[in-house]
């Protein structure tokens, strides 16, 4: 059974109140309950509604990472960094750069093994 917050937000969505903040909130709530794929779908809609929403890009990267979709997460962080830098949101850009570096290290082919 979904959390009370997810139920409330879903009712708002069903009532036609679809916007970036509502989708961001749904994505965040789904991530809290460990449903990364549901989070991804709502966060993708959030950035479609508002491509300049740097917090949504950052959370989308996190959701994709938790879903095991690391290359897509890197792309979300890349886009989010661009958006954050254009807006002057230096803290968000720095955080996404750190997350990106960690992902790139994880994706690097292992050398010297075997």
C-alpha atoms as a PDB file:
ATOM      1  CA  UNK A   1       0.000   0.000   0.000  1.00  0.00           C
ATOM      2  CA  UNK A   2       1.409   3.392  -0.969  1.00  0.00           C
ATOM      3  CA  UNK A   3       2.271   5.904   1.731  1.00  0.00           C
ATOM      4  CA  UNK A   4      -0.271   8.548   2.722  1.00  0.00           C
ATOM      5  CA  UNK A   5       1.830  11.188   0.966  1.00  0.00           C
ATOM      6  CA  UNK A   6       1.866   9.189  -2.277  1.00  0.00           C
ATOM      7  CA  UNK A   7      -1.891   8.668  -2.052  1.00  0.00           C
ATOM      8  CA  UNK A   8      -2.519  12.387  -1.508  1.00  0.00           C
ATOM      9  CA  UNK A   9      -0.183  13.468  -4.296  1.00  0.00           C
ATOM     10  CA  UNK A  10      -1.613  10.852  -6.663  1.00  0.00           C
ATOM     11  CA  UNK A  11      -5.127  12.177  -6.032  1.00  0.00           C
ATOM     12  CA  UNK A  12      -3.918  15.664  -6.951  1.00  0.00           C
ATOM     13  CA  UNK A  13      -2.437  14.283 -10.155  1.00  0.00           C
ATOM     14  CA  UNK A  14      -5.666  12.441 -10.976  1.00  0.00           C
ATOM     15  CA  UNK A  15      -7.554  15.709 -10.424  1.00  0.00           C
ATOM     16  CA  UNK A  16      -5.524  17.265 -13.248  1.00  0.00           C
ATOM     17  CA  UNK A  17      -2.968  19.214 -11.231  1.00  0.00           C
ATOM     18  CA  UNK A  18       0.008  17.936 -13.225  1.00  0.00           C
ATOM     19  CA  UNK A  19       3.071  20.167 -12.837  1.00  0.00           C
ATOM     20  CA  UNK A  20       6.796  19.973 -12.153  1.00  0.00           C
ATOM     21  CA  UNK A  21       6.539  20.395  -8.376  1.00  0.00           C
ATOM     22  CA  UNK A  22       3.860  17.715  -8.022  1.00  0.00           C
ATOM     23  CA  UNK A  23       5.872  15.274 -10.136  1.00  0.00           C
ATOM     24  CA  UNK A  24       9.033  16.112  -8.166  1.00  0.00           C
ATOM     25  CA  UNK A  25       7.177  15.475  -4.909  1.00  0.00           C
ATOM     26  CA  UNK A  26       5.807  12.142  -6.146  1.00  0.00           C
ATOM     27  CA  UNK A  27       9.262  11.106  -7.339  1.00  0.00           C
ATOM     28  CA  UNK A  28      10.750  12.022  -3.985  1.00  0.00           C
ATOM     29  CA  UNK A  29       8.109  10.060  -2.069  1.00  0.00           C
ATOM     30  CA  UNK A  30       8.522   6.983  -4.268  1.00  0.00           C
ATOM     31  CA  UNK A  31      12.280   7.142  -3.724  1.00  0.00           C
ATOM     32  CA  UNK A  32      11.742   7.265   0.052  1.00  0.00           C
ATOM     33  CA  UNK A  33       9.790   3.995  -0.064  1.00  0.00           C
ATOM     34  CA  UNK A  34      12.354   2.284  -2.301  1.00  0.00           C
ATOM     35  CA  UNK A  35      10.387   2.385  -5.554  1.00  0.00           C
ATOM     36  CA  UNK A  36      13.097   3.803  -7.787  1.00  0.00           C
ATOM     37  CA  UNK A  37      11.414   2.983 -11.119  1.00  0.00           C
ATOM     38  CA  UNK A  38       8.221   4.804 -10.117  1.00  0.00           C
ATOM     39  CA  UNK A  39      10.366   7.693  -8.926  1.00  0.00           C
ATOM     40  CA  UNK A  40      12.169   7.811 -12.283  1.00  0.00           C
ATOM     41  CA  UNK A  41       8.928   8.081 -14.268  1.00  0.00           C
ATOM     42  CA  UNK A  42       7.638  10.991 -12.168  1.00  0.00           C
ATOM     43  CA  UNK A  43      10.982  12.782 -12.114  1.00  0.00           C
ATOM     44  CA  UNK A  44      11.296  12.507 -15.896  1.00  0.00           C
ATOM     45  CA  UNK A  45       7.886  14.181 -16.155  1.00  0.00           C
ATOM     46  CA  UNK A  46       9.056  16.879 -13.717  1.00  0.00           C
ATOM     47  CA  UNK A  47      11.980  17.838 -15.959  1.00  0.00           C
ATOM     48  CA  UNK A  48       9.730  17.693 -19.026  1.00  0.00           C
ATOM     49  CA  UNK A  49       7.424  20.219 -17.350  1.00  0.00           C
ATOM     50  CA  UNK A  50      10.368  22.382 -16.255  1.00  0.00           C
ATOM     51  CA  UNK A  51      13.720  21.619 -17.909  1.00  0.00           C
ATOM     52  CA  UNK A  52      15.315  24.268 -15.668  1.00  0.00           C
ATOM     53  CA  UNK A  53      14.431  22.475 -12.410  1.00  0.00           C
ATOM     54  CA  UNK A  54      17.910  21.575 -11.155  1.00  0.00           C
ATOM     55  CA  UNK A  55      16.665  19.800  -8.008  1.00  0.00           C
ATOM     56  CA  UNK A  56      14.544  17.510 -10.181  1.00  0.00           C
ATOM     57  CA  UNK A  57      17.551  16.658 -12.356  1.00  0.00           C
ATOM     58  CA  UNK A  58      19.567  15.845  -9.230  1.00  0.00           C
ATOM     59  CA  UNK A  59      16.842  13.602  -7.808  1.00  0.00           C
ATOM     60  CA  UNK A  60      16.344  11.960 -11.217  1.00  0.00           C
ATOM     61  CA  UNK A  61      20.047  11.068 -11.231  1.00  0.00           C
ATOM     62  CA  UNK A  62      19.704   9.560  -7.765  1.00  0.00           C
ATOM     63  CA  UNK A  63      16.602   7.572  -8.744  1.00  0.00           C
ATOM     64  CA  UNK A  64      18.285   6.245 -11.872  1.00  0.00           C
ATOM     65  CA  UNK A  65      21.326   5.263  -9.819  1.00  0.00           C
ATOM     66  CA  UNK A  66      19.137   3.405  -7.319  1.00  0.00           C
ATOM     67  CA  UNK A  67      17.382   1.701 -10.239  1.00  0.00           C
ATOM     68  CA  UNK A  68      20.785   0.480 -11.478  1.00  0.00           C
ATOM     69  CA  UNK A  69      20.614   2.607 -14.625  1.00  0.00           C
ATOM     70  CA  UNK A  70      24.025   4.198 -14.164  1.00  0.00           C
ATOM     71  CA  UNK A  71      24.649   5.532 -17.682  1.00  0.00           C
ATOM     72  CA  UNK A  72      21.245   7.227 -17.700  1.00  0.00           C
ATOM     73  CA  UNK A  73      22.009   8.630 -14.245  1.00  0.00           C
ATOM     74  CA  UNK A  74      25.246  10.143 -15.559  1.00  0.00           C
ATOM     75  CA  UNK A  75      23.325  11.809 -18.379  1.00  0.00           C
ATOM     76  CA  UNK A  76      20.739  13.183 -15.934  1.00  0.00           C
ATOM     77  CA  UNK A  77      23.508  14.612 -13.765  1.00  0.00           C
ATOM     78  CA  UNK A  78      25.226  16.108 -16.832  1.00  0.00           C
ATOM     79  CA  UNK A  79      22.008  17.861 -17.844  1.00  0.00           C
ATOM     80  CA  UNK A  80      21.371  18.907 -14.249  1.00  0.00           C
ATOM     81  CA  UNK A  81      24.838  20.428 -13.916  1.00  0.00           C
ATOM     82  CA  UNK A  82      24.256  22.486 -17.082  1.00  0.00           C
ATOM     83  CA  UNK A  83      20.908  23.710 -15.757  1.00  0.00           C
ATOM     84  CA  UNK A  84      22.279  24.489 -12.292  1.00  0.00           C
ATOM     85  CA  UNK A  85      25.243  26.401 -13.694  1.00  0.00           C
ATOM     86  CA  UNK A  86      22.999  28.495 -15.945  1.00  0.00           C
ATOM     87  CA  UNK A  87      20.819  29.360 -12.946  1.00  0.00           C
ATOM     88  CA  UNK A  88      23.795  30.086 -10.695  1.00  0.00           C
ATOM     89  CA  UNK A  89      22.821  27.199  -8.406  1.00  0.00           C
ATOM     90  CA  UNK A  90      26.408  26.399  -7.485  1.00  0.00           C
ATOM     91  CA  UNK A  91      25.638  24.021  -4.608  1.00  0.00           C
ATOM     92  CA  UNK A  92      23.421  21.765  -6.735  1.00  0.00           C
ATOM     93  CA  UNK A  93      26.012  21.763  -9.526  1.00  0.00           C
ATOM     94  CA  UNK A  94      28.786  20.778  -7.079  1.00  0.00           C
ATOM     95  CA  UNK A  95      26.693  17.973  -5.597  1.00  0.00           C
ATOM     96  CA  UNK A  96      25.858  16.567  -9.022  1.00  0.00           C
ATOM     97  CA  UNK A  97      29.527  16.773 -10.042  1.00  0.00           C
ATOM     98  CA  UNK A  98      30.453  14.669  -7.004  1.00  0.00           C
ATOM     99  CA  UNK A  99      27.748  12.094  -7.804  1.00  0.00           C
ATOM    100  CA  UNK A 100      28.887  12.031 -11.444  1.00  0.00           C
ATOM    101  CA  UNK A 101      32.500  11.387 -10.478  1.00  0.00           C
ATOM    102  CA  UNK A 102      31.447   8.459  -8.277  1.00  0.00           C
ATOM    103  CA  UNK A 103      29.375   6.967 -11.083  1.00  0.00           C
ATOM    104  CA  UNK A 104      32.150   7.352 -13.639  1.00  0.00           C
ATOM    105  CA  UNK A 105      34.534   5.510 -11.297  1.00  0.00           C
ATOM    106  CA  UNK A 106      31.968   2.753 -10.863  1.00  0.00           C
ATOM    107  CA  UNK A 107      31.523   2.465 -14.631  1.00  0.00           C
ATOM    108  CA  UNK A 108      35.241   2.449 -15.462  1.00  0.00           C
ATOM    109  CA  UNK A 109      36.437  -0.899 -16.733  1.00  0.00           C
ATOM    110  CA  UNK A 110      38.461  -2.691 -14.099  1.00  0.00           C
ATOM    111  CA  UNK A 111      42.148  -2.879 -15.028  1.00  0.00           C
ATOM    112  CA  UNK A 112      44.755  -5.226 -13.685  1.00  0.00           C
ATOM    113  CA  UNK A 113      42.249  -7.841 -12.582  1.00  0.00           C
ATOM    114  CA  UNK A 114      42.445 -11.494 -13.465  1.00  0.00           C
END
